[in-house]
Amino acid sequence: MIEFVYHLSSFAPLVIFIASALDIFFATGLILYGAAMMGSVAMMYANHMISLEAIIISAFSGTLLGNTLNFLVGQYFSEKEFVKRKLSHPRVASARNLLESRGLFLFMLVSRFITFTRPLYAILLGSLGIKYYRFIIYELFIALFWVVFWLMIIVKGIDIYAWIFN
């Protein structure tokens, strides 16, 4: 099995890119769970099939693509009558004001780490009319932090495993 995976290792960055995008995209992010991908990435990294740099670049790019698509979906659906009615509620206006004034970064950061909100928060921000440039600037930092955070857990886990069993 490992031999077969070695033959496919040149496609690992592409697979990680696609898996990262699908993990965050709203239509698949609520169904797919990143733990399987993390296990695969850990196995490939531990067997020197992929470098840390390739993992970071491909996972970061896929995450940005998935959340940008989510944001655009939110903008698209904000023009639909059903969504317009829901967004006209006074509490939505106060939430929008809070996000636009000072709470956007914290909202995005916390939402990234909650399983069910991760694929949905960009849709909400897009439908609320949050400016894309503010979204993408914060998303760049949060996505990079997210990828490096989980990658360090993988790397440290491999180090601990090697320390215990070697």
N, C-alpha and C. Protein backbone atom coordinates (compact mmCIF):
# COMPACT_ATOMS: atom_id res chain seq x y z
N MET A 1 0.83 -1.20 0.00
CA MET A 1 0.00 0.00 0.00
C MET A 1 0.87 1.26 0.00
N ILE A 2 1.91 1.26 0.84
CA ILE A 2 2.81 2.42 0.91
C ILE A 2 3.47 2.63 -0.44
N GLU A 3 3.83 1.54 -1.11
CA GLU A 3 4.46 1.62 -2.43
C GLU A 3 3.53 2.35 -3.41
N PHE A 4 2.25 2.02 -3.39
CA PHE A 4 1.27 2.67 -4.25
C PHE A 4 1.16 4.15 -3.94
N VAL A 5 1.16 4.48 -2.66
CA VAL A 5 1.07 5.88 -2.25
C VAL A 5 2.31 6.66 -2.69
N TYR A 6 3.49 6.02 -2.64
CA TYR A 6 4.71 6.68 -3.12
C TYR A 6 4.59 7.08 -4.58
N HIS A 7 3.96 6.25 -5.39
CA HIS A 7 3.79 6.58 -6.80
C HIS A 7 2.88 7.78 -7.00
N LEU A 8 1.96 7.97 -6.11
CA LEU A 8 1.02 9.08 -6.21
C LEU A 8 1.48 10.33 -5.45
N SER A 9 2.61 10.26 -4.77
CA SER A 9 3.04 11.36 -3.91
C SER A 9 3.29 12.66 -4.68
N SER A 10 3.57 12.58 -5.96
CA SER A 10 3.77 13.82 -6.73
C SER A 10 2.47 14.61 -6.86
N PHE A 11 1.34 13.94 -6.67
CA PHE A 11 0.05 14.61 -6.74
C PHE A 11 -0.43 15.12 -5.37
N ALA A 12 0.37 14.89 -4.34
CA ALA A 12 -0.05 15.23 -2.97
C ALA A 12 -0.41 16.71 -2.81
N PRO A 13 0.37 17.65 -3.31
CA PRO A 13 -0.04 19.06 -3.14
C PRO A 13 -1.39 19.37 -3.79
N LEU A 14 -1.64 18.81 -4.97
CA LEU A 14 -2.92 19.02 -5.63
C LEU A 14 -4.07 18.41 -4.82
N VAL A 15 -3.86 17.22 -4.30
CA VAL A 15 -4.89 16.56 -3.49
C VAL A 15 -5.15 17.35 -2.21
N ILE A 16 -4.10 17.84 -1.57
CA ILE A 16 -4.27 18.64 -0.35
C ILE A 16 -5.00 19.94 -0.67
N PHE A 17 -4.67 20.57 -1.79
CA PHE A 17 -5.36 21.79 -2.22
C PHE A 17 -6.86 21.52 -2.39
N ILE A 18 -7.20 20.48 -3.12
CA ILE A 18 -8.61 20.15 -3.37
C ILE A 18 -9.31 19.77 -2.07
N ALA A 19 -8.67 18.95 -1.25
CA ALA A 19 -9.28 18.53 0.02
C ALA A 19 -9.49 19.72 0.95
N SER A 20 -8.55 20.66 0.97
CA SER A 20 -8.70 21.85 1.81
C SER A 20 -9.86 22.71 1.34
N ALA A 21 -9.97 22.88 0.04
CA ALA A 21 -11.08 23.66 -0.51
C ALA A 21 -12.42 22.99 -0.20
N LEU A 22 -12.49 21.68 -0.36
CA LEU A 22 -13.74 20.96 -0.08
C LEU A 22 -14.07 20.93 1.40
N ASP A 23 -13.04 20.95 2.25
CA ASP A 23 -13.26 20.94 3.70
C ASP A 23 -13.90 22.24 4.17
N ILE A 24 -13.62 23.33 3.48
CA ILE A 24 -14.14 24.63 3.92
C ILE A 24 -15.36 25.07 3.11
N PHE A 25 -15.55 24.52 1.90
CA PHE A 25 -16.67 24.91 1.05
C PHE A 25 -17.98 24.44 1.69
N PHE A 26 -18.98 25.30 1.69
CA PHE A 26 -20.21 25.03 2.45
C PHE A 26 -20.93 23.77 2.00
N ALA A 27 -20.93 23.46 0.72
CA ALA A 27 -21.69 22.31 0.22
C ALA A 27 -21.06 20.98 0.64
N THR A 28 -19.77 20.98 0.90
CA THR A 28 -19.07 19.75 1.27
C THR A 28 -18.47 19.82 2.67
N GLY A 29 -18.25 21.00 3.19
CA GLY A 29 -17.58 21.16 4.48
C GLY A 29 -18.37 20.64 5.66
N LEU A 30 -19.69 20.61 5.54
CA LEU A 30 -20.50 20.07 6.62
C LEU A 30 -20.56 18.55 6.58
N ILE A 31 -20.16 17.96 5.45
CA ILE A 31 -20.19 16.51 5.29
C ILE A 31 -18.80 15.91 5.49
N LEU A 32 -17.84 16.49 4.81
CA LEU A 32 -16.46 15.99 4.91
C LEU A 32 -15.82 16.52 6.18
N TYR A 33 -14.94 15.73 6.73
CA TYR A 33 -14.26 16.15 7.94
C TYR A 33 -12.77 16.06 7.70
N GLY A 34 -12.04 17.04 8.14
CA GLY A 34 -10.62 17.15 7.85
C GLY A 34 -9.72 16.16 8.55
N ALA A 35 -10.23 15.37 9.48
CA ALA A 35 -9.38 14.44 10.23
C ALA A 35 -8.77 13.38 9.31
N ALA A 36 -9.51 12.90 8.34
CA ALA A 36 -8.96 11.91 7.41
C ALA A 36 -7.84 12.52 6.59
N MET A 37 -8.03 13.76 6.16
CA MET A 37 -6.99 14.43 5.40
C MET A 37 -5.76 14.64 6.27
N MET A 38 -5.97 15.03 7.54
CA MET A 38 -4.84 15.25 8.43
C MET A 38 -4.05 13.95 8.64
N GLY A 39 -4.73 12.85 8.77
CA GLY A 39 -4.05 11.57 8.91
C GLY A 39 -3.23 11.23 7.67
N SER A 40 -3.80 11.50 6.51
CA SER A 40 -3.08 11.25 5.26
C SER A 40 -1.87 12.16 5.11
N VAL A 41 -2.04 13.41 5.46
CA VAL A 41 -0.93 14.36 5.40
C VAL A 41 0.17 13.94 6.37
N ALA A 42 -0.21 13.52 7.56
CA ALA A 42 0.78 13.08 8.55
C ALA A 42 1.56 11.87 8.02
N MET A 43 0.87 10.93 7.41
CA MET A 43 1.54 9.74 6.86
C MET A 43 2.49 10.15 5.74
N MET A 44 2.06 11.02 4.85
CA MET A 44 2.92 11.44 3.74
C MET A 44 4.12 12.23 4.24
N TYR A 45 3.89 13.10 5.21
CA TYR A 45 5.00 13.88 5.76
C TYR A 45 5.98 12.99 6.51
N ALA A 46 5.49 12.07 7.31
CA ALA A 46 6.35 11.18 8.09
C ALA A 46 7.21 10.29 7.18
N ASN A 47 6.70 9.96 6.00
CA ASN A 47 7.44 9.13 5.05
C ASN A 47 8.17 9.96 3.99
N HIS A 48 8.30 11.25 4.24
CA HIS A 48 9.05 12.18 3.38
C HIS A 48 8.52 12.22 1.94
N MET A 49 7.21 12.10 1.81
CA MET A 49 6.59 12.19 0.49
C MET A 49 6.24 13.61 0.12
N ILE A 50 6.16 14.48 1.13
CA ILE A 50 5.79 15.87 0.89
C ILE A 50 6.48 16.74 1.93
N SER A 51 6.82 17.95 1.53
CA SER A 51 7.51 18.86 2.44
C SER A 51 6.52 19.72 3.21
N LEU A 52 6.98 20.30 4.30
CA LEU A 52 6.13 21.22 5.06
C LEU A 52 5.69 22.40 4.20
N GLU A 53 6.61 22.91 3.39
CA GLU A 53 6.29 24.06 2.55
C GLU A 53 5.17 23.74 1.56
N ALA A 54 5.24 22.56 0.95
CA ALA A 54 4.20 22.16 0.00
C ALA A 54 2.85 21.99 0.69
N ILE A 55 2.87 21.45 1.90
CA ILE A 55 1.62 21.30 2.66
C ILE A 55 1.04 22.67 2.97
N ILE A 56 1.87 23.58 3.46
CA ILE A 56 1.38 24.91 3.83
C ILE A 56 0.81 25.63 2.62
N ILE A 57 1.53 25.65 1.52
CA ILE A 57 1.07 26.37 0.32
C ILE A 57 -0.21 25.77 -0.23
N SER A 58 -0.28 24.45 -0.35
CA SER A 58 -1.47 23.85 -0.95
C SER A 58 -2.68 23.93 -0.02
N ALA A 59 -2.50 23.71 1.27
CA ALA A 59 -3.63 23.79 2.21
C ALA A 59 -4.10 25.24 2.36
N PHE A 60 -3.18 26.17 2.43
CA PHE A 60 -3.53 27.59 2.54
C PHE A 60 -4.30 28.05 1.30
N SER A 61 -3.81 27.70 0.13
CA SER A 61 -4.48 28.09 -1.12
C SER A 61 -5.87 27.47 -1.23
N GLY A 62 -5.99 26.20 -0.88
CA GLY A 62 -7.30 25.55 -0.94
C GLY A 62 -8.28 26.15 0.05
N THR A 63 -7.79 26.47 1.24
CA THR A 63 -8.65 27.10 2.25
C THR A 63 -9.14 28.46 1.78
N LEU A 64 -8.24 29.25 1.20
CA LEU A 64 -8.65 30.56 0.68
C LEU A 64 -9.67 30.43 -0.45
N LEU A 65 -9.45 29.48 -1.34
CA LEU A 65 -10.40 29.27 -2.43
C LEU A 65 -11.77 28.88 -1.89
N GLY A 66 -11.82 27.92 -0.98
CA GLY A 66 -13.10 27.47 -0.43
C GLY A 66 -13.85 28.59 0.26
N ASN A 67 -13.17 29.38 1.07
CA ASN A 67 -13.87 30.44 1.79
C ASN A 67 -14.21 31.62 0.88
N THR A 68 -13.42 31.88 -0.14
CA THR A 68 -13.78 32.93 -1.10
C THR A 68 -15.04 32.52 -1.85
N LEU A 69 -15.12 31.26 -2.24
CA LEU A 69 -16.35 30.78 -2.89
C LEU A 69 -17.55 30.91 -1.95
N ASN A 70 -17.36 30.57 -0.68
CA ASN A 70 -18.44 30.72 0.30
C ASN A 70 -18.88 32.17 0.39
N PHE A 71 -17.94 33.10 0.45
CA PHE A 71 -18.26 34.52 0.53
C PHE A 71 -19.06 34.96 -0.70
N LEU A 72 -18.62 34.52 -1.88
CA LEU A 72 -19.32 34.89 -3.12
C LEU A 72 -20.72 34.28 -3.17
N VAL A 73 -20.88 33.08 -2.65
CA VAL A 73 -22.21 32.47 -2.57
C VAL A 73 -23.11 33.31 -1.67
N GLY A 74 -22.56 33.76 -0.55
CA GLY A 74 -23.32 34.63 0.35
C GLY A 74 -23.74 35.93 -0.33
N GLN A 75 -22.83 36.52 -1.08
CA GLN A 75 -23.19 37.74 -1.81
C GLN A 75 -24.29 37.46 -2.83
N TYR A 76 -24.19 36.34 -3.53
CA TYR A 76 -25.18 36.00 -4.53
C TYR A 76 -26.56 35.81 -3.90
N PHE A 77 -26.62 35.06 -2.82
CA PHE A 77 -27.91 34.79 -2.20
C PHE A 77 -28.47 35.98 -1.43
N SER A 78 -27.65 36.96 -1.13
CA SER A 78 -28.16 38.15 -0.44
C SER A 78 -29.14 38.92 -1.30
N GLU A 79 -29.13 38.68 -2.60
CA GLU A 79 -30.05 39.35 -3.52
C GLU A 79 -31.38 38.60 -3.68
N LYS A 80 -31.47 37.42 -3.14
CA LYS A 80 -32.71 36.63 -3.25
C LYS A 80 -33.73 37.15 -2.24
N GLU A 81 -34.98 37.14 -2.63
CA GLU A 81 -36.05 37.74 -1.83
C GLU A 81 -36.15 37.13 -0.43
N PHE A 82 -36.08 35.82 -0.33
CA PHE A 82 -36.17 35.16 0.97
C PHE A 82 -35.07 35.63 1.91
N VAL A 83 -33.86 35.72 1.40
CA VAL A 83 -32.72 36.14 2.22
C VAL A 83 -32.84 37.62 2.56
N LYS A 84 -33.28 38.43 1.61
CA LYS A 84 -33.46 39.87 1.86
C LYS A 84 -34.42 40.10 3.02
N ARG A 85 -35.50 39.32 3.06
CA ARG A 85 -36.46 39.46 4.16
C ARG A 85 -35.81 39.12 5.49
N LYS A 86 -35.03 38.05 5.51
CA LYS A 86 -34.36 37.66 6.75
C LYS A 86 -33.31 38.69 7.17
N LEU A 87 -32.65 39.29 6.21
CA LEU A 87 -31.60 40.27 6.51
C LEU A 87 -32.15 41.64 6.89
N SER A 88 -33.44 41.85 6.71
CA SER A 88 -34.02 43.15 7.05
C SER A 88 -34.40 43.26 8.52
N HIS A 89 -34.21 42.21 9.29
CA HIS A 89 -34.53 42.23 10.72
C HIS A 89 -33.61 43.20 11.45
N PRO A 90 -34.11 43.95 12.44
CA PRO A 90 -33.28 44.92 13.17
C PRO A 90 -32.07 44.29 13.86
N ARG A 91 -32.18 43.07 14.33
CA ARG A 91 -31.03 42.43 14.98
C ARG A 91 -29.91 42.14 13.98
N VAL A 92 -30.28 41.88 12.76
CA VAL A 92 -29.27 41.66 11.72
C VAL A 92 -28.50 42.95 11.48
N ALA A 93 -29.20 44.06 11.47
CA ALA A 93 -28.52 45.35 11.29
C ALA A 93 -27.56 45.64 12.43
N SER A 94 -27.94 45.34 13.65
CA SER A 94 -27.03 45.57 14.77
C SER A 94 -25.84 44.61 14.72
N ALA A 95 -26.06 43.36 14.30
CA ALA A 95 -24.95 42.42 14.14
C ALA A 95 -24.00 42.89 13.05
N ARG A 96 -24.55 43.38 11.95
CA ARG A 96 -23.73 43.91 10.85
C ARG A 96 -22.89 45.09 11.34
N ASN A 97 -23.50 45.98 12.10
CA ASN A 97 -22.77 47.14 12.62
C ASN A 97 -21.64 46.70 13.55
N LEU A 98 -21.91 45.73 14.40
CA LEU A 98 -20.87 45.22 15.30
C LEU A 98 -19.71 44.61 14.51
N LEU A 99 -20.03 43.82 13.49
CA LEU A 99 -18.99 43.20 12.68
C LEU A 99 -18.21 44.24 11.89
N GLU A 100 -18.89 45.25 11.38
CA GLU A 100 -18.19 46.27 10.60
C GLU A 100 -17.35 47.19 11.47
N SER A 101 -17.76 47.39 12.71
CA SER A 101 -17.04 48.34 13.56
C SER A 101 -15.85 47.71 14.27
N ARG A 102 -16.02 46.55 14.91
CA ARG A 102 -14.89 46.03 15.69
C ARG A 102 -14.86 44.52 15.88
N GLY A 103 -15.86 43.79 15.52
CA GLY A 103 -15.90 42.38 15.87
C GLY A 103 -15.59 41.41 14.75
N LEU A 104 -15.25 41.89 13.58
CA LEU A 104 -15.12 41.01 12.42
C LEU A 104 -13.98 40.00 12.58
N PHE A 105 -12.80 40.45 12.95
CA PHE A 105 -11.65 39.54 13.07
C PHE A 105 -11.92 38.46 14.12
N LEU A 106 -12.40 38.84 15.27
CA LEU A 106 -12.68 37.87 16.33
C LEU A 106 -13.76 36.88 15.90
N PHE A 107 -14.81 37.38 15.25
CA PHE A 107 -15.87 36.51 14.75
C PHE A 107 -15.32 35.48 13.78
N MET A 108 -14.48 35.92 12.85
CA MET A 108 -13.91 35.01 11.86
C MET A 108 -12.98 34.00 12.51
N LEU A 109 -12.17 34.45 13.45
CA LEU A 109 -11.21 33.56 14.11
C LEU A 109 -11.93 32.47 14.92
N VAL A 110 -12.91 32.88 15.70
CA VAL A 110 -13.65 31.90 16.51
C VAL A 110 -14.45 30.96 15.61
N SER A 111 -15.08 31.50 14.58
CA SER A 111 -15.88 30.67 13.67
C SER A 111 -15.04 29.64 12.95
N ARG A 112 -13.78 29.95 12.69
CA ARG A 112 -12.89 29.00 12.01
C ARG A 112 -12.66 27.75 12.85
N PHE A 113 -12.67 27.89 14.17
CA PHE A 113 -12.35 26.77 15.03
C PHE A 113 -13.57 26.00 15.53
N ILE A 114 -14.75 26.37 15.08
CA ILE A 114 -15.97 25.63 15.43
C ILE A 114 -16.41 24.85 14.20
N THR A 115 -16.52 23.56 14.34
CA THR A 115 -16.73 22.67 13.21
C THR A 115 -17.90 23.09 12.32
N PHE A 116 -19.04 23.39 12.90
CA PHE A 116 -20.23 23.66 12.08
C PHE A 116 -20.26 25.08 11.53
N THR A 117 -19.54 25.99 12.14
CA THR A 117 -19.54 27.37 11.62
C THR A 117 -18.44 27.59 10.59
N ARG A 118 -17.42 26.75 10.56
CA ARG A 118 -16.31 26.94 9.63
C ARG A 118 -16.76 27.05 8.18
N PRO A 119 -17.63 26.16 7.68
CA PRO A 119 -18.04 26.31 6.28
C PRO A 119 -19.12 27.37 6.06
N LEU A 120 -19.63 27.98 7.13
CA LEU A 120 -20.77 28.88 6.97
C LEU A 120 -20.48 30.35 7.23
N TYR A 121 -19.43 30.67 7.97
CA TYR A 121 -19.26 32.07 8.37
C TYR A 121 -18.99 32.99 7.19
N ALA A 122 -18.29 32.51 6.17
CA ALA A 122 -18.03 33.37 5.01
C ALA A 122 -19.32 33.64 4.23
N ILE A 123 -20.21 32.65 4.19
CA ILE A 123 -21.51 32.87 3.53
C ILE A 123 -22.27 33.97 4.26
N LEU A 124 -22.28 33.90 5.58
CA LEU A 124 -22.96 34.91 6.38
C LEU A 124 -22.36 36.29 6.12
N LEU A 125 -21.04 36.38 6.13
CA LEU A 125 -20.39 37.68 5.91
C LEU A 125 -20.66 38.21 4.51
N GLY A 126 -20.66 37.34 3.52
CA GLY A 126 -20.99 37.77 2.16
C GLY A 126 -22.42 38.25 2.04
N SER A 127 -23.34 37.56 2.70
CA SER A 127 -24.75 37.97 2.62
C SER A 127 -25.02 39.24 3.42
N LEU A 128 -24.22 39.49 4.45
CA LEU A 128 -24.39 40.72 5.23
C LEU A 128 -23.81 41.95 4.53
N GLY A 129 -23.10 41.74 3.46
CA GLY A 129 -22.55 42.86 2.72
C GLY A 129 -21.24 43.39 3.30
N ILE A 130 -20.53 42.55 4.05
CA ILE A 130 -19.22 42.94 4.55
C ILE A 130 -18.31 43.13 3.34
N LYS A 131 -17.49 44.14 3.38
CA LYS A 131 -16.60 44.44 2.26
C LYS A 131 -15.63 43.28 2.03
N TYR A 132 -15.48 42.89 0.77
CA TYR A 132 -14.62 41.76 0.45
C TYR A 132 -13.17 42.00 0.86
N TYR A 133 -12.66 43.19 0.66
CA TYR A 133 -11.26 43.44 1.00
C TYR A 133 -11.01 43.26 2.49
N ARG A 134 -11.97 43.62 3.36
CA ARG A 134 -11.80 43.37 4.80
C ARG A 134 -11.84 41.88 5.09
N PHE A 135 -12.76 41.20 4.44
CA PHE A 135 -12.86 39.75 4.61
C PHE A 135 -11.57 39.07 4.20
N ILE A 136 -11.05 39.38 3.02
CA ILE A 136 -9.90 38.65 2.50
C ILE A 136 -8.63 38.99 3.27
N ILE A 137 -8.49 40.20 3.75
CA ILE A 137 -7.30 40.56 4.54
C ILE A 137 -7.29 39.75 5.84
N TYR A 138 -8.41 39.70 6.54
CA TYR A 138 -8.48 38.90 7.76
C TYR A 138 -8.35 37.42 7.44
N GLU A 139 -8.97 36.99 6.36
CA GLU A 139 -8.94 35.58 5.98
C GLU A 139 -7.52 35.11 5.66
N LEU A 140 -6.71 35.97 5.07
CA LEU A 140 -5.32 35.60 4.79
C LEU A 140 -4.59 35.22 6.06
N PHE A 141 -4.72 36.04 7.09
CA PHE A 141 -4.04 35.76 8.36
C PHE A 141 -4.64 34.54 9.07
N ILE A 142 -5.96 34.47 9.09
CA ILE A 142 -6.63 33.38 9.81
C ILE A 142 -6.38 32.04 9.11
N ALA A 143 -6.44 32.01 7.79
CA ALA A 143 -6.20 30.77 7.05
C ALA A 143 -4.76 30.29 7.25
N LEU A 144 -3.81 31.21 7.22
CA LEU A 144 -2.42 30.82 7.44
C LEU A 144 -2.23 30.29 8.87
N PHE A 145 -2.81 30.98 9.84
CA PHE A 145 -2.73 30.52 11.22
C PHE A 145 -3.36 29.14 11.35
N TRP A 146 -4.51 28.94 10.74
CA TRP A 146 -5.25 27.68 10.79
C TRP A 146 -4.40 26.53 10.25
N VAL A 147 -3.81 26.73 9.09
CA VAL A 147 -3.01 25.69 8.46
C VAL A 147 -1.76 25.38 9.29
N VAL A 148 -1.06 26.41 9.72
CA VAL A 148 0.16 26.20 10.50
C VAL A 148 -0.16 25.57 11.85
N PHE A 149 -1.25 25.98 12.47
CA PHE A 149 -1.68 25.40 13.74
C PHE A 149 -1.85 23.89 13.63
N TRP A 150 -2.63 23.43 12.66
CA TRP A 150 -2.87 22.00 12.51
C TRP A 150 -1.64 21.27 12.02
N LEU A 151 -0.84 21.92 11.21
CA LEU A 151 0.39 21.29 10.74
C LEU A 151 1.37 21.08 11.89
N MET A 152 1.44 22.02 12.81
CA MET A 152 2.32 21.85 13.96
C MET A 152 1.83 20.72 14.87
N ILE A 153 0.53 20.55 14.96
CA ILE A 153 0.00 19.41 15.73
C ILE A 153 0.41 18.10 15.06
N ILE A 154 0.34 18.04 13.74
CA ILE A 154 0.76 16.84 13.01
C ILE A 154 2.25 16.58 13.23
N VAL A 155 3.06 17.61 13.06
CA VAL A 155 4.51 17.45 13.18
C VAL A 155 4.90 17.03 14.60
N LYS A 156 4.32 17.70 15.59
CA LYS A 156 4.63 17.34 16.98
C LYS A 156 4.13 15.94 17.31
N GLY A 157 3.00 15.55 16.75
CA GLY A 157 2.49 14.20 16.96
C GLY A 157 3.43 13.15 16.38
N ILE A 158 3.98 13.43 15.22
CA ILE A 158 4.94 12.52 14.61
C ILE A 158 6.20 12.44 15.47
N ASP A 159 6.66 13.59 15.98
CA ASP A 159 7.84 13.61 16.85
C ASP A 159 7.60 12.81 18.13
N ILE A 160 6.43 12.96 18.73
CA ILE A 160 6.11 12.23 19.95
C ILE A 160 6.03 10.73 19.68
N TYR A 161 5.40 10.37 18.57
CA TYR A 161 5.31 8.96 18.18
C TYR A 161 6.70 8.37 18.00
N ALA A 162 7.56 9.09 17.29
CA ALA A 162 8.93 8.61 17.05
C ALA A 162 9.70 8.49 18.36
N TRP A 163 9.50 9.41 19.27
CA TRP A 163 10.19 9.40 20.56
C TRP A 163 9.75 8.20 21.40
N ILE A 164 8.44 7.90 21.38
CA ILE A 164 7.92 6.80 22.19
C ILE A 164 8.31 5.44 21.61
N PHE A 165 8.21 5.29 20.31
CA PHE A 165 8.38 3.97 19.71
C PHE A 165 9.75 3.72 19.10
N ASN A 166 10.66 4.64 19.23
CA ASN A 166 12.02 4.40 18.71
C ASN A 166 13.04 4.38 19.80
